[in-house]
Amino acid sequence: MADAATRRQFLAFSLGATTAALARPSIGSAHAKERSIALYNAHTSESVKTVYWANGEYVDDGLVEISRLLRDYRTEDVIPIDPHLIDTLYRLRRKVGTRRPYHVVSGYRSPITNAILRKGDRRVAKNSYHMRGMAVDAYLPKVELKTLHRAALSLRAGGVGYYPKTGFVHLDSGRVRSW
């Protein structure tokens, strides 16, 4: 993808971040003055620790940073990540009692990337929430995967998948379900 096209897409995303953020009500603690998240991308070795919600509203700069880190690293495509998903990550990390960053295995996937992954593994959903910026595959170092999985299920905040062989939990902001 050309640099100019990438910049245009990112700027268009940045301008639309507020609209996307306000489209859903917050799910995090009603008493928190601010919410932050820490993420590490296992493929790019990039990390971010950012405040994404403060003073009762989402913070555009934080949402942009998160979306950039969770981009499709194969194509460099960036789309807005659903703030509801970020709230779920925030709540889950608090529930298991850690401040460690999530290690992200997969965030946004372009349709091209999803199709390639699907050819290699039919369990990859044809209409994956990853392609909508509504899913992440991740783990928390020093937190047993089983513990993370159980805590995620208890939130009843969307889809939860358990992948012990590959070492991550899938979280999405779709309807409540598990596998």
Protein backbone atom coordinates (compact mmCIF):
# COMPACT_ATOMS: atom_id res chain seq x y z
CA MET A 1 0.00 0.00 0.00
CA ALA A 2 1.41 3.41 -0.92
CA ASP A 3 2.44 5.79 1.87
CA ALA A 4 0.05 8.51 0.69
CA ALA A 5 -2.88 6.09 0.65
CA THR A 6 -1.95 4.82 4.12
CA ARG A 7 -1.79 8.40 5.48
CA ARG A 8 -5.16 9.24 3.91
CA GLN A 9 -6.75 6.12 5.43
CA PHE A 10 -5.26 6.87 8.83
CA LEU A 11 -6.38 10.52 8.74
CA ALA A 12 -9.87 9.48 7.69
CA PHE A 13 -9.87 7.00 10.56
CA SER A 14 -8.63 9.64 13.02
CA LEU A 15 -11.43 12.02 12.07
CA GLY A 16 -14.00 9.25 12.41
CA ALA A 17 -12.72 7.95 15.74
CA THR A 18 -14.98 10.17 17.82
CA THR A 19 -18.09 9.08 15.97
CA ALA A 20 -17.18 5.41 16.34
CA ALA A 21 -16.33 5.86 19.99
CA LEU A 22 -19.59 7.54 20.84
CA ALA A 23 -21.67 4.99 18.97
CA ARG A 24 -21.75 2.67 21.99
CA PRO A 25 -22.07 3.37 25.67
CA SER A 26 -19.14 2.58 27.91
CA ILE A 27 -19.09 -0.70 29.81
CA GLY A 28 -16.19 -0.07 32.22
CA SER A 29 -16.43 0.99 35.83
CA ALA A 30 -18.77 3.94 36.23
CA HIS A 31 -16.52 5.38 38.96
CA ALA A 32 -13.20 5.37 37.10
CA LYS A 33 -12.02 8.85 36.10
CA GLU A 34 -9.89 7.37 33.40
CA ARG A 35 -9.23 4.01 31.80
CA SER A 36 -5.98 2.93 30.25
CA ILE A 37 -4.83 -0.13 28.40
CA ALA A 38 -1.41 -1.62 27.73
CA LEU A 39 -0.84 -3.73 24.62
CA TYR A 40 2.16 -5.43 23.03
CA ASN A 41 1.95 -6.63 19.41
CA ALA A 42 3.71 -10.01 19.24
CA HIS A 43 4.32 -9.66 15.48
CA THR A 44 5.69 -6.12 15.29
CA SER A 45 7.21 -5.84 18.80
CA GLU A 46 5.41 -2.51 19.20
CA SER A 47 3.73 -1.56 22.43
CA VAL A 48 1.34 1.08 23.63
CA LYS A 49 0.14 2.16 27.04
CA THR A 50 -2.53 4.79 26.69
CA VAL A 51 -5.51 6.39 28.31
CA TYR A 52 -8.47 5.70 26.04
CA TRP A 53 -11.28 7.04 28.24
CA ALA A 54 -11.27 10.05 30.57
CA ASN A 55 -13.77 12.45 32.12
CA GLY A 56 -16.75 10.42 30.94
CA GLU A 57 -15.78 10.05 27.27
CA TYR A 58 -13.46 8.22 24.93
CA VAL A 59 -10.12 9.84 24.13
CA ASP A 60 -9.54 10.08 20.38
CA ASP A 61 -5.73 9.99 20.62
CA GLY A 62 -5.84 6.84 22.75
CA LEU A 63 -8.27 5.11 20.38
CA VAL A 64 -6.05 6.00 17.41
CA GLU A 65 -2.96 4.58 19.16
CA ILE A 66 -4.78 1.35 19.98
CA SER A 67 -6.15 0.98 16.45
CA ARG A 68 -2.69 1.57 14.97
CA LEU A 69 -1.15 -1.12 17.18
CA LEU A 70 -3.94 -3.59 16.38
CA ARG A 71 -3.65 -2.99 12.61
CA ASP A 72 -3.27 -5.81 10.11
CA TYR A 73 0.51 -6.01 10.20
CA ARG A 74 0.56 -7.95 6.92
CA THR A 75 -1.14 -5.19 4.89
CA GLU A 76 -0.62 -2.21 7.25
CA ASP A 77 -4.37 -1.49 7.04
CA VAL A 78 -5.79 0.34 10.05
CA ILE A 79 -9.47 0.59 11.00
CA PRO A 80 -11.15 1.85 14.18
CA ILE A 81 -11.23 -0.76 16.93
CA ASP A 82 -14.59 -1.05 18.66
CA PRO A 83 -14.41 0.82 22.00
CA HIS A 84 -16.65 -1.86 23.53
CA LEU A 85 -13.85 -4.40 22.85
CA ILE A 86 -11.31 -2.11 24.52
CA ASP A 87 -13.63 -1.76 27.52
CA THR A 88 -13.83 -5.55 27.73
CA LEU A 89 -10.02 -5.82 27.70
CA TYR A 90 -9.84 -3.17 30.42
CA ARG A 91 -12.39 -4.96 32.61
CA LEU A 92 -10.77 -8.35 32.07
CA ARG A 93 -7.32 -7.14 33.05
CA ARG A 94 -8.75 -5.62 36.25
CA LYS A 95 -10.68 -8.83 36.99
CA VAL A 96 -7.54 -11.00 36.86
CA GLY A 97 -5.62 -8.40 38.88
CA THR A 98 -2.68 -7.51 36.67
CA ARG A 99 -1.23 -4.40 35.10
CA ARG A 100 0.84 -6.34 32.59
CA PRO A 101 0.25 -5.58 28.92
CA TYR A 102 -1.81 -7.90 26.79
CA HIS A 103 0.33 -9.75 24.25
CA VAL A 104 -1.68 -9.53 21.05
CA VAL A 105 -1.53 -12.40 18.57
CA SER A 106 -4.18 -10.97 16.22
CA GLY A 107 -6.21 -7.77 16.11
CA TYR A 108 -7.70 -6.34 12.94
CA ARG A 109 -7.51 -8.58 9.87
CA SER A 110 -8.15 -7.28 6.39
CA PRO A 111 -10.43 -9.41 4.23
CA ILE A 112 -7.31 -10.45 2.24
CA THR A 113 -5.49 -11.64 5.37
CA ASN A 114 -8.58 -13.41 6.68
CA ALA A 115 -9.02 -15.26 3.38
CA ILE A 116 -5.38 -16.38 3.44
CA LEU A 117 -5.68 -17.61 7.04
CA ARG A 118 -8.95 -19.35 6.21
CA LYS A 119 -7.31 -21.32 3.39
CA GLY A 120 -4.87 -22.74 5.92
CA ASP A 121 -7.42 -23.36 8.66
CA ARG A 122 -11.16 -23.77 8.06
CA ARG A 123 -11.83 -22.86 11.71
CA VAL A 124 -11.05 -19.23 10.77
CA ALA A 125 -14.47 -17.61 10.41
CA LYS A 126 -15.40 -16.43 6.92
CA ASN A 127 -17.02 -13.29 8.37
CA SER A 128 -14.68 -12.90 11.33
CA TYR A 129 -15.20 -10.11 13.84
CA HIS A 130 -11.47 -9.44 13.34
CA MET A 131 -12.37 -7.93 9.95
CA ARG A 132 -14.64 -5.38 11.67
CA GLY A 133 -12.22 -4.25 14.37
CA MET A 134 -14.31 -6.11 16.93
CA ALA A 135 -11.98 -8.97 17.96
CA VAL A 136 -8.59 -9.66 19.44
CA ASP A 137 -6.61 -12.83 20.18
CA ALA A 138 -4.36 -12.25 23.17
CA TYR A 139 -2.91 -13.49 26.44
CA LEU A 140 -1.54 -11.92 29.61
CA PRO A 141 1.93 -13.06 30.67
CA LYS A 142 2.02 -14.61 34.14
CA VAL A 143 -1.76 -15.19 34.04
CA GLU A 144 -2.71 -18.80 33.46
CA LEU A 145 -4.67 -19.06 30.20
CA LYS A 146 -7.41 -21.06 31.93
CA THR A 147 -7.81 -18.28 34.49
CA LEU A 148 -8.00 -15.64 31.75
CA HIS A 149 -10.58 -17.73 29.88
CA ARG A 150 -12.81 -18.21 32.93
CA ALA A 151 -12.62 -14.53 33.82
CA ALA A 152 -13.52 -13.56 30.23
CA LEU A 153 -16.54 -15.86 30.29
CA SER A 154 -17.71 -14.34 33.57
CA LEU A 155 -17.86 -10.86 32.00
CA ARG A 156 -20.52 -11.98 29.50
CA ALA A 157 -19.41 -9.14 27.25
CA GLY A 158 -19.18 -10.91 23.86
CA GLY A 159 -17.60 -13.93 22.24
CA VAL A 160 -14.88 -15.87 24.06
CA GLY A 161 -12.76 -18.56 22.43
CA TYR A 162 -10.21 -20.74 24.25
CA TYR A 163 -7.10 -21.83 22.34
CA PRO A 164 -4.76 -23.57 24.80
CA LYS A 165 -2.64 -25.24 22.08
CA THR A 166 -1.72 -21.90 20.53
CA GLY A 167 -1.76 -20.05 23.85
CA PHE A 168 -4.36 -17.32 23.53
CA VAL A 169 -7.95 -16.34 24.27
CA HIS A 170 -10.17 -14.82 21.59
CA LEU A 171 -12.37 -11.92 22.68
CA ASP A 172 -14.89 -10.12 20.55
CA SER A 173 -17.64 -7.57 21.02
CA GLY A 174 -20.27 -9.62 19.21
CA ARG A 175 -23.08 -11.51 20.85
CA VAL A 176 -22.32 -13.54 24.01
CA ARG A 177 -21.13 -17.04 23.07
CA SER A 178 -18.15 -19.31 23.71
CA TRP A 179 -16.17 -22.14 22.21
